[in-house]
């Protein structure tokens, strides 16, 4: 006859914990290809607008655009990019170009998909606004791009936003967590 001991510790079966994969970093070429495709898509839309408003004609005639005009076109580009890519960025961490290149943007901390506002506010706006400043803007934009040659392949906008770009086939956490 076995007597039950009310003072013994409870027992439970503990299964092995599944560790979230870190996610294989996307290649520099995949990142470049995705970025170029995204730029091409927005460019195809915004260029006719720039011609229709006379911006391109003035630029071709050597008339330097005013800062506020450049700012308006930069904001238009951001709005177009958000309209084209917003849903995909929210759901999968991918823009159209990143989807075609097989990459995705995730949090550097836990591979989760970032909220859309964070991608736009921290990842896109700072670098796009810096690029508008004469002389220093293009230099800082180039420096930002050259950060891709670091061992972690993170550009300046990745460091600002706390993101990394991984291969899309890598394990990831969806928006639900």
Protein backbone atom coordinates (compact mmCIF):
# COMPACT_ATOMS: atom_id res chain seq x y z
CA UNK A 1 0.00 0.00 0.00
CA UNK A 2 1.48 3.32 -1.05
CA UNK A 3 0.87 6.34 0.96
CA UNK A 4 0.55 9.71 -0.83
CA UNK A 5 3.04 12.29 0.38
CA UNK A 6 1.37 15.71 0.37
CA UNK A 7 4.69 17.44 0.93
CA UNK A 8 6.63 16.19 -2.08
CA UNK A 9 7.33 18.61 -4.93
CA UNK A 10 5.01 18.41 -7.91
CA UNK A 11 6.23 16.53 -10.92
CA UNK A 12 5.74 17.50 -14.52
CA UNK A 13 7.09 16.41 -17.84
CA UNK A 14 9.07 19.20 -19.48
CA UNK A 15 9.57 19.04 -23.23
CA UNK A 16 12.64 20.49 -24.86
CA UNK A 17 12.25 24.17 -25.61
CA UNK A 18 12.36 25.07 -29.30
CA UNK A 19 14.87 27.84 -29.84
CA UNK A 20 13.97 30.48 -32.41
CA UNK A 21 16.48 30.42 -35.26
CA UNK A 22 18.47 33.58 -35.63
CA UNK A 23 17.63 33.83 -39.32
CA UNK A 24 20.21 33.69 -42.06
CA UNK A 25 21.23 37.18 -43.10
CA UNK A 26 20.30 38.12 -46.64
CA UNK A 27 23.14 38.43 -49.10
CA UNK A 28 24.35 41.88 -50.06
CA UNK A 29 23.30 41.18 -53.67
CA UNK A 30 19.76 40.22 -52.63
CA UNK A 31 19.50 43.40 -50.58
CA UNK A 32 20.77 45.48 -53.49
CA UNK A 33 18.38 43.83 -55.95
CA UNK A 34 15.37 44.30 -53.69
CA UNK A 35 16.25 47.91 -53.03
CA UNK A 36 16.76 48.64 -56.71
CA UNK A 37 13.40 47.10 -57.61
CA UNK A 38 11.64 49.14 -54.92
CA UNK A 39 13.32 52.32 -56.22
CA UNK A 40 12.40 51.47 -59.79
CA UNK A 41 8.73 50.94 -58.90
CA UNK A 42 8.45 54.30 -57.10
CA UNK A 43 10.53 55.95 -59.84
CA UNK A 44 8.19 54.75 -62.57
CA UNK A 45 5.31 56.43 -60.74
CA UNK A 46 6.99 59.63 -59.57
CA UNK A 47 8.98 60.49 -62.72
CA UNK A 48 5.93 61.34 -64.86
CA UNK A 49 4.68 63.52 -61.99
CA UNK A 50 8.03 65.32 -61.95
CA UNK A 51 7.82 65.90 -65.70
CA UNK A 52 4.18 67.07 -65.50
CA UNK A 53 5.01 69.64 -62.81
CA UNK A 54 8.07 71.00 -64.64
CA UNK A 55 10.52 69.78 -61.99
CA UNK A 56 12.51 67.64 -64.45
CA UNK A 57 12.69 70.38 -67.08
CA UNK A 58 14.09 72.84 -64.55
CA UNK A 59 16.60 70.25 -63.32
CA UNK A 60 17.73 69.48 -66.90
CA UNK A 61 18.21 73.21 -67.50
CA UNK A 62 20.51 73.41 -64.46
CA UNK A 63 18.06 75.20 -62.16
CA UNK A 64 18.79 74.04 -58.64
CA UNK A 65 15.52 72.98 -56.93
CA UNK A 66 14.62 74.69 -53.68
CA UNK A 67 14.85 72.66 -50.48
CA UNK A 68 11.10 72.79 -49.87
CA UNK A 69 10.41 71.48 -53.38
CA UNK A 70 12.85 68.63 -52.83
CA UNK A 71 11.20 67.94 -49.48
CA UNK A 72 7.78 67.75 -51.15
CA UNK A 73 9.00 65.18 -53.68
CA UNK A 74 10.78 63.20 -50.97
CA UNK A 75 7.55 63.07 -48.95
CA UNK A 76 5.62 62.10 -52.07
CA UNK A 77 8.10 59.25 -52.61
CA UNK A 78 7.64 58.10 -49.02
CA UNK A 79 3.85 58.19 -49.35
CA UNK A 80 3.99 56.25 -52.63
CA UNK A 81 6.35 53.70 -51.11
CA UNK A 82 4.10 53.26 -48.08
CA UNK A 83 1.02 52.93 -50.29
CA UNK A 84 2.68 50.32 -52.51
CA UNK A 85 4.47 48.35 -49.80
CA UNK A 86 2.55 49.06 -46.58
CA UNK A 87 0.41 45.94 -46.50
CA UNK A 88 3.32 43.61 -47.29
CA UNK A 89 5.62 45.36 -44.79
CA UNK A 90 2.95 45.02 -42.09
CA UNK A 91 2.14 41.37 -42.79
CA UNK A 92 5.50 39.86 -43.75
CA UNK A 93 8.23 42.48 -43.30
CA UNK A 94 8.66 42.63 -47.06
CA UNK A 95 8.34 45.30 -49.71
CA UNK A 96 7.60 44.29 -53.30
CA UNK A 97 11.34 44.35 -54.03
CA UNK A 98 12.23 42.37 -50.91
CA UNK A 99 9.58 39.79 -51.75
CA UNK A 100 11.03 39.40 -55.26
CA UNK A 101 14.56 39.17 -53.82
CA UNK A 102 13.50 36.62 -51.19
CA UNK A 103 14.33 38.78 -48.17
CA UNK A 104 12.45 40.31 -45.24
CA UNK A 105 12.99 42.98 -42.57
CA UNK A 106 12.88 41.73 -38.98
CA UNK A 107 13.78 42.97 -35.52
CA UNK A 108 17.41 42.39 -34.68
CA UNK A 109 16.34 41.31 -31.17
CA UNK A 110 13.83 38.53 -31.83
CA UNK A 111 13.26 38.17 -35.60
CA UNK A 112 9.73 39.54 -35.25
CA UNK A 113 8.06 41.68 -37.90
CA UNK A 114 8.13 45.34 -36.90
CA UNK A 115 5.00 47.49 -36.80
CA UNK A 116 4.57 49.48 -40.01
CA UNK A 117 4.91 52.83 -38.25
CA UNK A 118 8.32 51.80 -36.92
CA UNK A 119 9.56 50.73 -40.36
CA UNK A 120 8.50 54.05 -41.88
CA UNK A 121 9.36 56.36 -38.99
CA UNK A 122 12.73 54.85 -38.03
CA UNK A 123 13.93 52.98 -41.09
CA UNK A 124 12.89 55.18 -44.01
CA UNK A 125 12.35 58.78 -42.94
CA UNK A 126 15.68 59.59 -41.23
CA UNK A 127 17.88 58.46 -44.12
CA UNK A 128 15.60 60.00 -46.77
CA UNK A 129 15.59 63.35 -44.96
CA UNK A 130 19.37 63.35 -44.46
CA UNK A 131 19.82 62.76 -48.21
CA UNK A 132 18.12 66.11 -48.95
CA UNK A 133 20.85 68.25 -47.41
CA UNK A 134 23.30 69.64 -49.95
CA UNK A 135 26.83 68.16 -49.98
CA UNK A 136 26.57 66.26 -46.67
CA UNK A 137 23.36 64.41 -47.63
CA UNK A 138 24.80 62.42 -50.52
CA UNK A 139 27.97 61.68 -48.53
CA UNK A 140 25.98 60.36 -45.55
CA UNK A 141 23.74 58.36 -47.88
CA UNK A 142 26.83 56.68 -49.37
CA UNK A 143 28.26 56.01 -45.90
CA UNK A 144 24.93 54.46 -44.90
CA UNK A 145 25.01 52.15 -47.91
CA UNK A 146 28.65 51.21 -47.27
CA UNK A 147 27.65 49.93 -43.81
CA UNK A 148 26.41 46.83 -45.71
CA UNK A 149 30.05 45.66 -45.78
CA UNK A 150 30.13 45.23 -42.00
CA UNK A 151 30.06 41.64 -40.76
CA UNK A 152 26.41 41.99 -39.66
CA UNK A 153 25.40 43.44 -43.07
CA UNK A 154 23.34 46.16 -41.37
CA UNK A 155 23.11 49.57 -43.02
CA UNK A 156 22.70 52.79 -41.04
CA UNK A 157 18.90 52.64 -41.37
CA UNK A 158 19.01 49.12 -39.86
CA UNK A 159 21.01 50.39 -36.90
CA UNK A 160 18.60 53.30 -36.35
CA UNK A 161 15.50 51.08 -36.54
CA UNK A 162 16.92 48.01 -34.78
CA UNK A 163 16.40 45.80 -37.84
CA UNK A 164 18.21 43.29 -39.96
CA UNK A 165 17.37 41.78 -43.34
CA UNK A 166 17.18 38.00 -43.50
CA UNK A 167 16.42 35.42 -46.16
CA UNK A 168 12.67 35.04 -46.43
CA UNK A 169 12.87 31.28 -46.15
CA UNK A 170 14.35 31.64 -42.66
CA UNK A 171 12.09 31.01 -39.70
CA UNK A 172 10.28 34.12 -38.49
CA UNK A 173 7.56 35.19 -36.09
CA UNK A 174 4.45 36.67 -37.70
CA UNK A 175 2.58 39.74 -36.46
CA UNK A 176 0.66 37.60 -33.96
CA UNK A 177 3.89 36.83 -32.12
